[in-house]
Amino acid sequence: MSDHYYSPSPNARHEFEEWSFELKGKTFHFLTDSGVFSRKTVDYGSRVLIEAFDWTQLPEGPILDVGCGYGAIGLAIASSSKRHLEMVDVNERAIDLAKKNAEKNQVSTVDIHLSNVYEAVHQNTYAAIVSNPPVRAGKNVVHQILTEAYDFLKIEGTLTVVLQKKQGAASAKKKMNETFGNAEIIKKDKGYYIIQSRKEKE
């Protein structure tokens, strides 16, 4: 069986890398490894999401990062917003790295653990959910992240995702609009679309 970044237990030979990257005005030091997504640098889509995401108008409460990988999105948002971030991934290796990166960058307002999408999340509702979804895991997984987010969001909470135009951004926007009754492209950059839905008052 071949290894993927969305495999629960990658068995590829370890190839650790250490490098630094500036996000939201802070220099982060990351440890990465084989078997995780974008191990040599923070991928462009994640960078665009981090810059576009606005936490200032959200209700009170924690933020959830679904498919957190080694932690770039969640740690950047936790550090800059001072909010509590729950960060989940199905990949054991990614979760181990995310925990080490939180410690390495002295970000303590995080809860990092294994979960297959929302299966084992620790809260009932969140002020926001963010995700750079694992497109290669297939449309069913991506759409599960989009549709099931609704029940885990507070009223006025947001779901914000990044997808490439060529990898299903239009399909994701349609699915989010069906689920939430709204979906807005809040930023476009080099083929990456940041799509956001808000859970409106019922």
N, C-alpha and C. Protein backbone atom coordinates (compact mmCIF):
# COMPACT_ATOMS: atom_id res chain seq x y z
N MET A 1 0.84 -1.19 0.00
CA MET A 1 0.00 0.00 0.00
C MET A 1 0.88 1.25 0.00
N SER A 2 0.58 2.18 -0.92
CA SER A 2 1.40 3.38 -1.00
C SER A 2 1.02 4.35 0.10
N ASP A 3 1.99 5.15 0.50
CA ASP A 3 1.78 6.15 1.54
C ASP A 3 1.20 7.43 0.95
N HIS A 4 0.29 8.05 1.69
CA HIS A 4 -0.23 9.35 1.32
C HIS A 4 -0.23 10.22 2.58
N TYR A 5 -0.31 11.53 2.38
CA TYR A 5 -0.35 12.41 3.55
C TYR A 5 -1.65 12.25 4.32
N TYR A 6 -2.66 11.60 3.70
CA TYR A 6 -3.92 11.35 4.41
C TYR A 6 -4.01 9.92 4.92
N SER A 7 -2.89 9.17 4.88
CA SER A 7 -2.84 7.84 5.48
C SER A 7 -2.76 7.97 7.00
N PRO A 8 -3.50 7.14 7.74
CA PRO A 8 -3.43 7.23 9.21
C PRO A 8 -2.04 6.98 9.77
N SER A 9 -1.32 6.01 9.19
CA SER A 9 0.00 5.64 9.73
C SER A 9 1.02 5.50 8.60
N PRO A 10 1.54 6.61 8.10
CA PRO A 10 2.54 6.51 7.04
C PRO A 10 3.74 5.69 7.50
N ASN A 11 4.23 4.80 6.61
CA ASN A 11 5.40 4.01 7.00
C ASN A 11 6.61 4.32 6.13
N ALA A 12 6.55 5.44 5.43
CA ALA A 12 7.71 5.87 4.66
C ALA A 12 8.89 6.14 5.59
N ARG A 13 10.08 5.92 5.07
CA ARG A 13 11.28 6.17 5.86
C ARG A 13 11.31 7.63 6.28
N HIS A 14 11.64 7.89 7.54
CA HIS A 14 11.68 9.26 8.04
C HIS A 14 12.71 10.10 7.29
N GLU A 15 12.32 11.28 6.90
CA GLU A 15 13.22 12.26 6.28
C GLU A 15 12.91 13.61 6.90
N PHE A 16 13.41 13.83 8.09
CA PHE A 16 13.10 15.06 8.82
C PHE A 16 13.71 16.28 8.14
N GLU A 17 12.97 17.37 8.16
CA GLU A 17 13.45 18.65 7.65
C GLU A 17 13.13 19.72 8.69
N GLU A 18 14.00 20.70 8.83
CA GLU A 18 13.73 21.84 9.71
C GLU A 18 13.97 23.11 8.93
N TRP A 19 13.02 24.03 9.00
CA TRP A 19 13.13 25.28 8.26
C TRP A 19 12.23 26.32 8.93
N SER A 20 12.38 27.56 8.52
CA SER A 20 11.62 28.66 9.11
C SER A 20 10.77 29.33 8.04
N PHE A 21 9.66 29.93 8.49
CA PHE A 21 8.75 30.60 7.55
C PHE A 21 7.98 31.67 8.32
N GLU A 22 7.83 32.85 7.71
CA GLU A 22 7.09 33.93 8.37
C GLU A 22 5.61 33.87 8.01
N LEU A 23 4.77 33.87 9.05
CA LEU A 23 3.32 33.87 8.88
C LEU A 23 2.72 34.89 9.83
N LYS A 24 1.89 35.77 9.30
CA LYS A 24 1.24 36.81 10.11
C LYS A 24 2.26 37.59 10.94
N GLY A 25 3.39 37.89 10.35
CA GLY A 25 4.39 38.72 11.00
C GLY A 25 5.26 38.02 12.02
N LYS A 26 5.10 36.70 12.16
CA LYS A 26 5.92 35.95 13.12
C LYS A 26 6.72 34.88 12.37
N THR A 27 7.97 34.72 12.75
CA THR A 27 8.80 33.68 12.15
C THR A 27 8.57 32.36 12.89
N PHE A 28 8.06 31.38 12.18
CA PHE A 28 7.82 30.05 12.75
C PHE A 28 8.95 29.11 12.35
N HIS A 29 9.28 28.21 13.24
CA HIS A 29 10.29 27.19 12.97
C HIS A 29 9.58 25.84 12.93
N PHE A 30 9.61 25.20 11.77
CA PHE A 30 8.86 23.97 11.56
C PHE A 30 9.78 22.76 11.43
N LEU A 31 9.32 21.67 12.03
CA LEU A 31 9.90 20.34 11.83
C LEU A 31 8.90 19.56 10.99
N THR A 32 9.36 19.00 9.86
CA THR A 32 8.48 18.21 9.02
C THR A 32 9.15 16.87 8.72
N ASP A 33 8.45 16.03 7.98
CA ASP A 33 8.92 14.67 7.74
C ASP A 33 8.28 14.14 6.47
N SER A 34 8.79 13.02 5.98
CA SER A 34 8.13 12.33 4.88
C SER A 34 6.75 11.87 5.34
N GLY A 35 5.85 11.68 4.41
CA GLY A 35 4.52 11.17 4.76
C GLY A 35 3.55 12.24 5.22
N VAL A 36 3.96 13.53 5.12
CA VAL A 36 3.03 14.62 5.45
C VAL A 36 2.97 15.59 4.27
N PHE A 37 1.91 16.38 4.23
CA PHE A 37 1.67 17.28 3.10
C PHE A 37 2.61 18.48 3.14
N SER A 38 3.22 18.77 1.98
CA SER A 38 4.04 19.97 1.77
C SER A 38 5.13 20.12 2.84
N ARG A 39 6.02 19.14 2.89
CA ARG A 39 6.98 19.10 3.99
C ARG A 39 8.17 20.04 3.82
N LYS A 40 8.35 20.61 2.63
CA LYS A 40 9.53 21.45 2.42
C LYS A 40 9.26 22.95 2.60
N THR A 41 7.99 23.32 2.59
CA THR A 41 7.62 24.72 2.81
C THR A 41 6.13 24.79 3.11
N VAL A 42 5.68 25.91 3.65
CA VAL A 42 4.24 26.11 3.83
C VAL A 42 3.63 26.29 2.45
N ASP A 43 2.72 25.42 2.07
CA ASP A 43 2.16 25.46 0.72
C ASP A 43 1.41 26.77 0.48
N TYR A 44 1.34 27.15 -0.78
CA TYR A 44 0.80 28.46 -1.12
C TYR A 44 -0.66 28.62 -0.70
N GLY A 45 -1.45 27.58 -0.87
CA GLY A 45 -2.86 27.65 -0.49
C GLY A 45 -3.04 27.94 0.98
N SER A 46 -2.24 27.30 1.82
CA SER A 46 -2.32 27.56 3.27
C SER A 46 -1.95 28.99 3.59
N ARG A 47 -0.93 29.51 2.89
CA ARG A 47 -0.52 30.90 3.12
C ARG A 47 -1.66 31.87 2.79
N VAL A 48 -2.34 31.62 1.67
CA VAL A 48 -3.44 32.50 1.25
C VAL A 48 -4.58 32.44 2.26
N LEU A 49 -4.89 31.23 2.75
CA LEU A 49 -5.96 31.08 3.75
C LEU A 49 -5.61 31.84 5.03
N ILE A 50 -4.39 31.66 5.50
CA ILE A 50 -3.96 32.32 6.74
C ILE A 50 -4.11 33.84 6.62
N GLU A 51 -3.70 34.39 5.48
CA GLU A 51 -3.78 35.84 5.30
C GLU A 51 -5.22 36.33 5.16
N ALA A 52 -6.08 35.50 4.55
CA ALA A 52 -7.47 35.93 4.28
C ALA A 52 -8.39 35.76 5.48
N PHE A 53 -8.03 34.86 6.40
CA PHE A 53 -8.94 34.53 7.50
C PHE A 53 -9.01 35.67 8.52
N ASP A 54 -10.25 36.09 8.82
CA ASP A 54 -10.48 37.19 9.77
C ASP A 54 -11.27 36.64 10.96
N TRP A 55 -10.64 36.64 12.12
CA TRP A 55 -11.28 36.13 13.33
C TRP A 55 -11.97 37.23 14.14
N THR A 56 -11.83 38.48 13.72
CA THR A 56 -12.27 39.58 14.57
C THR A 56 -13.78 39.70 14.67
N GLN A 57 -14.51 39.18 13.69
CA GLN A 57 -15.97 39.29 13.70
C GLN A 57 -16.65 37.99 14.15
N LEU A 58 -15.90 37.06 14.65
CA LEU A 58 -16.45 35.76 15.03
C LEU A 58 -17.09 35.81 16.42
N PRO A 59 -18.03 34.90 16.68
CA PRO A 59 -18.52 34.75 18.05
C PRO A 59 -17.41 34.24 18.95
N GLU A 60 -17.65 34.27 20.25
CA GLU A 60 -16.68 33.73 21.20
C GLU A 60 -16.54 32.22 20.98
N GLY A 61 -15.39 31.69 21.35
CA GLY A 61 -15.24 30.23 21.29
C GLY A 61 -14.02 29.81 20.50
N PRO A 62 -13.71 28.50 20.55
CA PRO A 62 -12.53 27.96 19.89
C PRO A 62 -12.70 27.87 18.38
N ILE A 63 -11.58 27.71 17.70
CA ILE A 63 -11.53 27.51 16.25
C ILE A 63 -10.99 26.11 15.99
N LEU A 64 -11.52 25.45 14.98
CA LEU A 64 -11.11 24.09 14.64
C LEU A 64 -10.40 24.10 13.29
N ASP A 65 -9.22 23.48 13.24
CA ASP A 65 -8.46 23.28 12.00
C ASP A 65 -8.56 21.81 11.63
N VAL A 66 -9.29 21.51 10.55
CA VAL A 66 -9.50 20.12 10.12
C VAL A 66 -8.47 19.76 9.06
N GLY A 67 -7.69 18.71 9.33
CA GLY A 67 -6.61 18.33 8.43
C GLY A 67 -5.42 19.24 8.62
N CYS A 68 -4.99 19.36 9.88
CA CYS A 68 -4.01 20.39 10.26
C CYS A 68 -2.59 20.11 9.77
N GLY A 69 -2.31 18.86 9.36
CA GLY A 69 -0.94 18.56 8.94
C GLY A 69 0.05 18.82 10.06
N TYR A 70 1.22 19.36 9.71
CA TYR A 70 2.23 19.62 10.75
C TYR A 70 1.97 20.94 11.48
N GLY A 71 0.85 21.63 11.13
CA GLY A 71 0.40 22.69 12.01
C GLY A 71 0.46 24.13 11.53
N ALA A 72 0.84 24.37 10.28
CA ALA A 72 1.07 25.76 9.84
C ALA A 72 -0.15 26.65 10.03
N ILE A 73 -1.31 26.23 9.54
CA ILE A 73 -2.50 27.09 9.61
C ILE A 73 -2.93 27.31 11.06
N GLY A 74 -3.12 26.22 11.78
CA GLY A 74 -3.61 26.31 13.15
C GLY A 74 -2.69 27.10 14.06
N LEU A 75 -1.39 26.87 13.95
CA LEU A 75 -0.44 27.58 14.82
C LEU A 75 -0.37 29.06 14.47
N ALA A 76 -0.44 29.39 13.18
CA ALA A 76 -0.40 30.80 12.78
C ALA A 76 -1.64 31.53 13.29
N ILE A 77 -2.80 30.90 13.18
CA ILE A 77 -4.03 31.54 13.64
C ILE A 77 -4.06 31.63 15.17
N ALA A 78 -3.63 30.56 15.84
CA ALA A 78 -3.60 30.59 17.31
C ALA A 78 -2.68 31.69 17.81
N SER A 79 -1.53 31.81 17.20
CA SER A 79 -0.54 32.80 17.64
C SER A 79 -1.03 34.22 17.40
N SER A 80 -1.62 34.47 16.25
CA SER A 80 -2.00 35.84 15.91
C SER A 80 -3.33 36.27 16.52
N SER A 81 -4.26 35.32 16.68
CA SER A 81 -5.60 35.67 17.18
C SER A 81 -5.73 35.57 18.69
N LYS A 82 -4.80 34.84 19.31
CA LYS A 82 -4.87 34.54 20.75
C LYS A 82 -6.10 33.70 21.10
N ARG A 83 -6.68 33.05 20.11
CA ARG A 83 -7.82 32.15 20.32
C ARG A 83 -7.32 30.75 20.62
N HIS A 84 -8.22 29.95 21.20
CA HIS A 84 -7.91 28.53 21.40
C HIS A 84 -8.17 27.80 20.08
N LEU A 85 -7.19 27.04 19.63
CA LEU A 85 -7.31 26.27 18.40
C LEU A 85 -7.30 24.78 18.70
N GLU A 86 -8.29 24.08 18.18
CA GLU A 86 -8.24 22.62 18.18
C GLU A 86 -7.79 22.20 16.79
N MET A 87 -6.80 21.34 16.73
CA MET A 87 -6.18 20.95 15.46
C MET A 87 -6.23 19.43 15.34
N VAL A 88 -6.86 18.94 14.26
CA VAL A 88 -7.03 17.50 14.10
C VAL A 88 -6.55 17.05 12.72
N ASP A 89 -6.11 15.80 12.68
CA ASP A 89 -5.70 15.18 11.42
C ASP A 89 -5.81 13.68 11.60
N VAL A 90 -5.96 12.96 10.49
CA VAL A 90 -6.03 11.50 10.54
C VAL A 90 -4.63 10.88 10.56
N ASN A 91 -3.63 11.67 10.22
CA ASN A 91 -2.26 11.20 10.04
C ASN A 91 -1.48 11.31 11.36
N GLU A 92 -1.11 10.17 11.93
CA GLU A 92 -0.40 10.14 13.22
C GLU A 92 0.92 10.89 13.17
N ARG A 93 1.62 10.76 12.06
CA ARG A 93 2.91 11.43 11.93
C ARG A 93 2.73 12.96 11.91
N ALA A 94 1.69 13.41 11.21
CA ALA A 94 1.41 14.85 11.15
C ALA A 94 1.07 15.40 12.53
N ILE A 95 0.26 14.65 13.28
CA ILE A 95 -0.14 15.10 14.62
C ILE A 95 1.08 15.19 15.54
N ASP A 96 1.96 14.22 15.46
CA ASP A 96 3.17 14.26 16.28
C ASP A 96 4.01 15.49 15.94
N LEU A 97 4.13 15.79 14.65
CA LEU A 97 4.89 16.96 14.22
C LEU A 97 4.21 18.26 14.67
N ALA A 98 2.89 18.31 14.55
CA ALA A 98 2.16 19.52 14.95
C ALA A 98 2.36 19.80 16.44
N LYS A 99 2.33 18.76 17.25
CA LYS A 99 2.58 18.94 18.69
C LYS A 99 3.98 19.48 18.94
N LYS A 100 4.97 18.92 18.24
CA LYS A 100 6.35 19.38 18.40
C LYS A 100 6.50 20.82 17.92
N ASN A 101 5.80 21.16 16.83
CA ASN A 101 5.91 22.52 16.30
C ASN A 101 5.22 23.54 17.20
N ALA A 102 4.13 23.13 17.86
CA ALA A 102 3.50 24.02 18.83
C ALA A 102 4.46 24.34 19.96
N GLU A 103 5.14 23.31 20.44
CA GLU A 103 6.11 23.50 21.53
C GLU A 103 7.30 24.33 21.07
N LYS A 104 7.78 24.00 19.87
CA LYS A 104 8.95 24.69 19.31
C LYS A 104 8.70 26.19 19.15
N ASN A 105 7.43 26.54 18.82
CA ASN A 105 7.09 27.93 18.58
C ASN A 105 6.36 28.58 19.75
N GLN A 106 6.33 27.87 20.86
CA GLN A 106 5.75 28.38 22.12
C GLN A 106 4.30 28.85 21.93
N VAL A 107 3.53 28.02 21.22
CA VAL A 107 2.09 28.27 21.07
C VAL A 107 1.36 27.27 21.97
N SER A 108 0.80 27.77 23.06
CA SER A 108 0.23 26.87 24.06
C SER A 108 -1.29 26.77 24.00
N THR A 109 -1.95 27.67 23.26
CA THR A 109 -3.42 27.68 23.24
C THR A 109 -3.96 26.74 22.16
N VAL A 110 -3.45 25.51 22.17
CA VAL A 110 -3.85 24.53 21.15
C VAL A 110 -4.15 23.18 21.78
N ASP A 111 -5.03 22.45 21.11
CA ASP A 111 -5.39 21.08 21.48
C ASP A 111 -5.23 20.27 20.21
N ILE A 112 -4.18 19.48 20.13
CA ILE A 112 -3.80 18.79 18.89
C ILE A 112 -3.96 17.29 19.09
N HIS A 113 -4.78 16.67 18.23
CA HIS A 113 -5.01 15.23 18.42
C HIS A 113 -5.55 14.59 17.15
N LEU A 114 -5.54 13.27 17.14
CA LEU A 114 -6.03 12.50 16.00
C LEU A 114 -7.55 12.57 15.90
N SER A 115 -8.05 12.72 14.69
CA SER A 115 -9.48 12.60 14.43
C SER A 115 -9.67 12.43 12.93
N ASN A 116 -10.50 11.50 12.55
CA ASN A 116 -10.88 11.34 11.15
C ASN A 116 -12.02 12.33 10.89
N VAL A 117 -11.68 13.46 10.29
CA VAL A 117 -12.59 14.59 10.10
C VAL A 117 -13.15 14.98 11.48
N TYR A 118 -14.47 14.90 11.69
CA TYR A 118 -15.05 15.38 12.96
C TYR A 118 -15.29 14.25 13.97
N GLU A 119 -14.85 13.07 13.64
CA GLU A 119 -15.18 11.88 14.42
C GLU A 119 -14.82 11.99 15.90
N ALA A 120 -13.67 12.57 16.20
CA ALA A 120 -13.19 12.59 17.59
C ALA A 120 -12.88 14.00 18.09
N VAL A 121 -13.57 15.01 17.55
CA VAL A 121 -13.31 16.37 18.02
C VAL A 121 -13.80 16.52 19.47
N HIS A 122 -13.21 17.47 20.18
CA HIS A 122 -13.43 17.59 21.62
C HIS A 122 -14.53 18.59 22.00
N GLN A 123 -14.96 19.43 21.07
CA GLN A 123 -15.99 20.43 21.38
C GLN A 123 -17.27 20.11 20.61
N ASN A 124 -18.37 20.65 21.10
CA ASN A 124 -19.65 20.49 20.39
C ASN A 124 -19.82 21.54 19.30
N THR A 125 -19.36 22.76 19.57
CA THR A 125 -19.48 23.84 18.58
C THR A 125 -18.23 24.70 18.59
N TYR A 126 -18.01 25.36 17.44
CA TYR A 126 -16.83 26.20 17.24
C TYR A 126 -17.24 27.55 16.67
N ALA A 127 -16.42 28.54 16.96
CA ALA A 127 -16.64 29.86 16.38
C ALA A 127 -16.31 29.86 14.89
N ALA A 128 -15.37 29.00 14.50
CA ALA A 128 -14.98 28.89 13.09
C ALA A 128 -14.31 27.55 12.85
N ILE A 129 -14.40 27.12 11.62
CA ILE A 129 -13.67 25.93 11.17
C ILE A 129 -12.88 26.35 9.94
N VAL A 130 -11.61 25.98 9.91
CA VAL A 130 -10.76 26.24 8.75
C VAL A 130 -10.20 24.93 8.25
N SER A 131 -9.95 24.87 6.93
CA SER A 131 -9.40 23.64 6.38
C SER A 131 -8.75 23.88 5.03
N ASN A 132 -7.59 23.26 4.86
CA ASN A 132 -6.99 23.07 3.55
C ASN A 132 -7.25 21.59 3.26
N PRO A 133 -8.40 21.26 2.64
CA PRO A 133 -8.84 19.86 2.61
C PRO A 133 -7.92 18.97 1.79
N PRO A 134 -7.85 17.69 2.16
CA PRO A 134 -6.99 16.72 1.45
C PRO A 134 -7.62 16.31 0.12
N VAL A 135 -7.41 17.11 -0.89
CA VAL A 135 -8.06 16.88 -2.18
C VAL A 135 -7.77 15.48 -2.73
N ARG A 136 -6.56 15.01 -2.52
CA ARG A 136 -6.20 13.69 -3.08
C ARG A 136 -6.89 12.53 -2.35
N ALA A 137 -7.49 12.82 -1.22
CA ALA A 137 -8.26 11.77 -0.53
C ALA A 137 -9.60 11.53 -1.22
N GLY A 138 -9.98 12.44 -2.12
CA GLY A 138 -11.21 12.25 -2.89
C GLY A 138 -12.30 13.23 -2.51
N LYS A 139 -13.23 13.41 -3.46
CA LYS A 139 -14.31 14.38 -3.29
C LYS A 139 -15.19 14.05 -2.09
N ASN A 140 -15.40 12.75 -1.81
CA ASN A 140 -16.28 12.39 -0.69
C ASN A 140 -15.74 12.93 0.63
N VAL A 141 -14.43 12.82 0.83
CA VAL A 141 -13.81 13.31 2.07
C VAL A 141 -13.90 14.83 2.13
N VAL A 142 -13.59 15.48 1.02
CA VAL A 142 -13.65 16.95 0.98
C VAL A 142 -15.07 17.42 1.30
N HIS A 143 -16.06 16.81 0.66
CA HIS A 143 -17.45 17.22 0.88
C HIS A 143 -17.94 16.87 2.29
N GLN A 144 -17.38 15.81 2.88
CA GLN A 144 -17.71 15.50 4.28
C GLN A 144 -17.25 16.64 5.19
N ILE A 145 -16.04 17.14 4.94
CA ILE A 145 -15.53 18.27 5.73
C ILE A 145 -16.46 19.48 5.59
N LEU A 146 -16.94 19.73 4.37
CA LEU A 146 -17.76 20.90 4.11
C LEU A 146 -19.16 20.77 4.71
N THR A 147 -19.80 19.64 4.50
CA THR A 147 -21.21 19.51 4.92
C THR A 147 -21.36 19.29 6.42
N GLU A 148 -20.48 18.48 7.02
CA GLU A 148 -20.61 18.19 8.44
C GLU A 148 -20.18 19.36 9.31
N ALA A 149 -19.47 20.32 8.73
CA ALA A 149 -19.06 21.51 9.48
C ALA A 149 -20.26 22.25 10.05
N TYR A 150 -21.37 22.24 9.33
CA TYR A 150 -22.54 23.03 9.71
C TYR A 150 -22.96 22.74 11.16
N ASP A 151 -23.05 21.47 11.50
CA ASP A 151 -23.54 21.09 12.83
C ASP A 151 -22.55 21.41 13.94
N PHE A 152 -21.29 21.69 13.58
CA PHE A 152 -20.27 21.98 14.59
C PHE A 152 -20.00 23.47 14.74
N LEU A 153 -20.76 24.30 14.04
CA LEU A 153 -20.53 25.74 14.11
C LEU A 153 -21.59 26.44 14.96
N LYS A 154 -21.15 27.46 15.69
CA LYS A 154 -22.08 28.33 16.39
C LYS A 154 -22.80 29.21 15.37
N ILE A 155 -23.94 29.78 15.76
CA ILE A 155 -24.58 30.78 14.92
C ILE A 155 -23.61 31.94 14.69
N GLU A 156 -23.51 32.35 13.45
CA GLU A 156 -22.57 33.39 12.99
C GLU A 156 -21.13 32.86 12.88
N GLY A 157 -20.94 31.58 13.13
CA GLY A 157 -19.63 30.97 12.92
C GLY A 157 -19.38 30.75 11.43
N THR A 158 -18.11 30.62 11.06
CA THR A 158 -17.76 30.49 9.64
C THR A 158 -16.98 29.21 9.35
N LEU A 159 -17.17 28.72 8.13
CA LEU A 159 -16.32 27.68 7.56
C LEU A 159 -15.50 28.34 6.46
N THR A 160 -14.18 28.24 6.55
CA THR A 160 -13.30 28.84 5.56
C THR A 160 -12.34 27.78 5.03
N VAL A 161 -12.34 27.58 3.71
CA VAL A 161 -11.49 26.55 3.11
C VAL A 161 -10.72 27.13 1.93
N VAL A 162 -9.63 26.46 1.59
CA VAL A 162 -8.87 26.83 0.40
C VAL A 162 -8.86 25.65 -0.56
N LEU A 163 -9.14 25.94 -1.82
CA LEU A 163 -9.09 24.94 -2.87
C LEU A 163 -8.62 25.60 -4.16
N GLN A 164 -7.92 24.84 -4.96
CA GLN A 164 -7.52 25.35 -6.27
C GLN A 164 -8.70 25.28 -7.23
N LYS A 165 -8.75 26.24 -8.12
CA LYS A 165 -9.80 26.24 -9.15
C LYS A 165 -9.81 24.91 -9.89
N LYS A 166 -8.63 24.40 -10.23
CA LYS A 166 -8.54 23.17 -11.02
C LYS A 166 -8.79 21.91 -10.19
N GLN A 167 -8.89 22.06 -8.87
CA GLN A 167 -9.10 20.89 -8.01
C GLN A 167 -10.44 20.94 -7.28
N GLY A 168 -11.43 21.56 -7.91
CA GLY A 168 -12.78 21.44 -7.38
C GLY A 168 -13.31 22.60 -6.58
N ALA A 169 -12.74 23.80 -6.77
CA ALA A 169 -13.24 24.96 -6.01
C ALA A 169 -14.71 25.24 -6.32
N ALA A 170 -15.09 25.14 -7.59
CA ALA A 170 -16.48 25.43 -7.98
C ALA A 170 -17.44 24.42 -7.35
N SER A 171 -17.05 23.15 -7.36
CA SER A 171 -17.87 22.09 -6.76
C SER A 171 -18.00 22.29 -5.25
N ALA A 172 -16.91 22.69 -4.60
CA ALA A 172 -16.93 22.93 -3.15
C ALA A 172 -17.82 24.12 -2.82
N LYS A 173 -17.73 25.19 -3.61
CA LYS A 173 -18.56 26.36 -3.37
C LYS A 173 -20.04 26.00 -3.49
N LYS A 174 -20.37 25.20 -4.48
CA LYS A 174 -21.76 24.76 -4.67
C LYS A 174 -22.24 23.95 -3.48
N LYS A 175 -21.40 23.04 -3.01
CA LYS A 175 -21.76 22.20 -1.86
C LYS A 175 -21.92 23.04 -0.60
N MET A 176 -21.04 24.01 -0.40
CA MET A 176 -21.14 24.89 0.76
C MET A 176 -22.41 25.74 0.69
N ASN A 177 -22.75 26.20 -0.49
CA ASN A 177 -23.97 27.00 -0.66
C ASN A 177 -25.21 26.17 -0.38
N GLU A 178 -25.19 24.91 -0.81
CA GLU A 178 -26.31 24.00 -0.54
C GLU A 178 -26.46 23.77 0.97
N THR A 179 -25.33 23.66 1.66
CA THR A 179 -25.33 23.33 3.09
C THR A 179 -25.68 24.54 3.96
N PHE A 180 -25.10 25.69 3.65
CA PHE A 180 -25.23 26.88 4.51
C PHE A 180 -26.22 27.91 3.98
N GLY A 181 -26.56 27.80 2.70
CA GLY A 181 -27.40 28.83 2.11
C GLY A 181 -26.60 30.03 1.65
N ASN A 182 -25.29 29.96 1.79
CA ASN A 182 -24.40 31.04 1.33
C ASN A 182 -23.00 30.48 1.17
N ALA A 183 -22.25 31.07 0.26
CA ALA A 183 -20.84 30.72 0.06
C ALA A 183 -20.21 31.84 -0.76
N GLU A 184 -19.15 32.40 -0.24
CA GLU A 184 -18.53 33.56 -0.87
C GLU A 184 -17.05 33.28 -1.10
N ILE A 185 -16.56 33.64 -2.27
CA ILE A 185 -15.13 33.58 -2.53
C ILE A 185 -14.53 34.88 -1.98
N ILE A 186 -13.83 34.78 -0.87
CA ILE A 186 -13.34 36.01 -0.22
C ILE A 186 -11.95 36.41 -0.73
N LYS A 187 -11.27 35.49 -1.44
CA LYS A 187 -9.98 35.85 -2.03
C LYS A 187 -9.63 34.85 -3.13
N LYS A 188 -9.00 35.37 -4.19
CA LYS A 188 -8.43 34.53 -5.24
C LYS A 188 -6.96 34.92 -5.39
N ASP A 189 -6.11 33.92 -5.51
CA ASP A 189 -4.67 34.20 -5.64
C ASP A 189 -4.00 33.03 -6.34
N LYS A 190 -3.52 33.28 -7.55
CA LYS A 190 -2.78 32.27 -8.33
C LYS A 190 -3.55 30.95 -8.45
N GLY A 191 -4.84 31.04 -8.70
CA GLY A 191 -5.64 29.83 -8.88
C GLY A 191 -6.17 29.23 -7.60
N TYR A 192 -5.80 29.80 -6.46
CA TYR A 192 -6.33 29.33 -5.17
C TYR A 192 -7.52 30.19 -4.78
N TYR A 193 -8.60 29.54 -4.38
CA TYR A 193 -9.81 30.23 -3.96
C TYR A 193 -10.02 30.02 -2.47
N ILE A 194 -10.25 31.10 -1.75
CA ILE A 194 -10.64 31.01 -0.35
C ILE A 194 -12.17 31.17 -0.31
N ILE A 195 -12.85 30.12 0.09
CA ILE A 195 -14.31 30.10 0.08
C ILE A 195 -14.80 30.08 1.53
N GLN A 196 -15.79 30.92 1.80
CA GLN A 196 -16.29 31.01 3.17
C GLN A 196 -17.82 30.96 3.21
N SER A 197 -18.34 30.20 4.14
CA SER A 197 -19.77 30.17 4.44
C SER A 197 -19.97 30.56 5.89
N ARG A 198 -21.12 31.16 6.18
CA ARG A 198 -21.45 31.57 7.54
C ARG A 198 -22.74 30.89 7.97
N LYS A 199 -22.76 30.36 9.19
CA LYS A 199 -23.98 29.76 9.72
C LYS A 199 -24.88 30.88 10.23
N GLU A 200 -25.94 31.12 9.50
CA GLU A 200 -26.81 32.25 9.83
C GLU A 200 -27.84 31.86 10.90
N LYS A 201 -28.47 32.87 11.44
CA LYS A 201 -29.48 32.63 12.50
C LYS A 201 -30.60 31.74 11.96
N GLU A 202 -31.00 30.81 12.78
CA GLU A 202 -32.00 29.84 12.34
C GLU A 202 -33.40 30.39 12.57
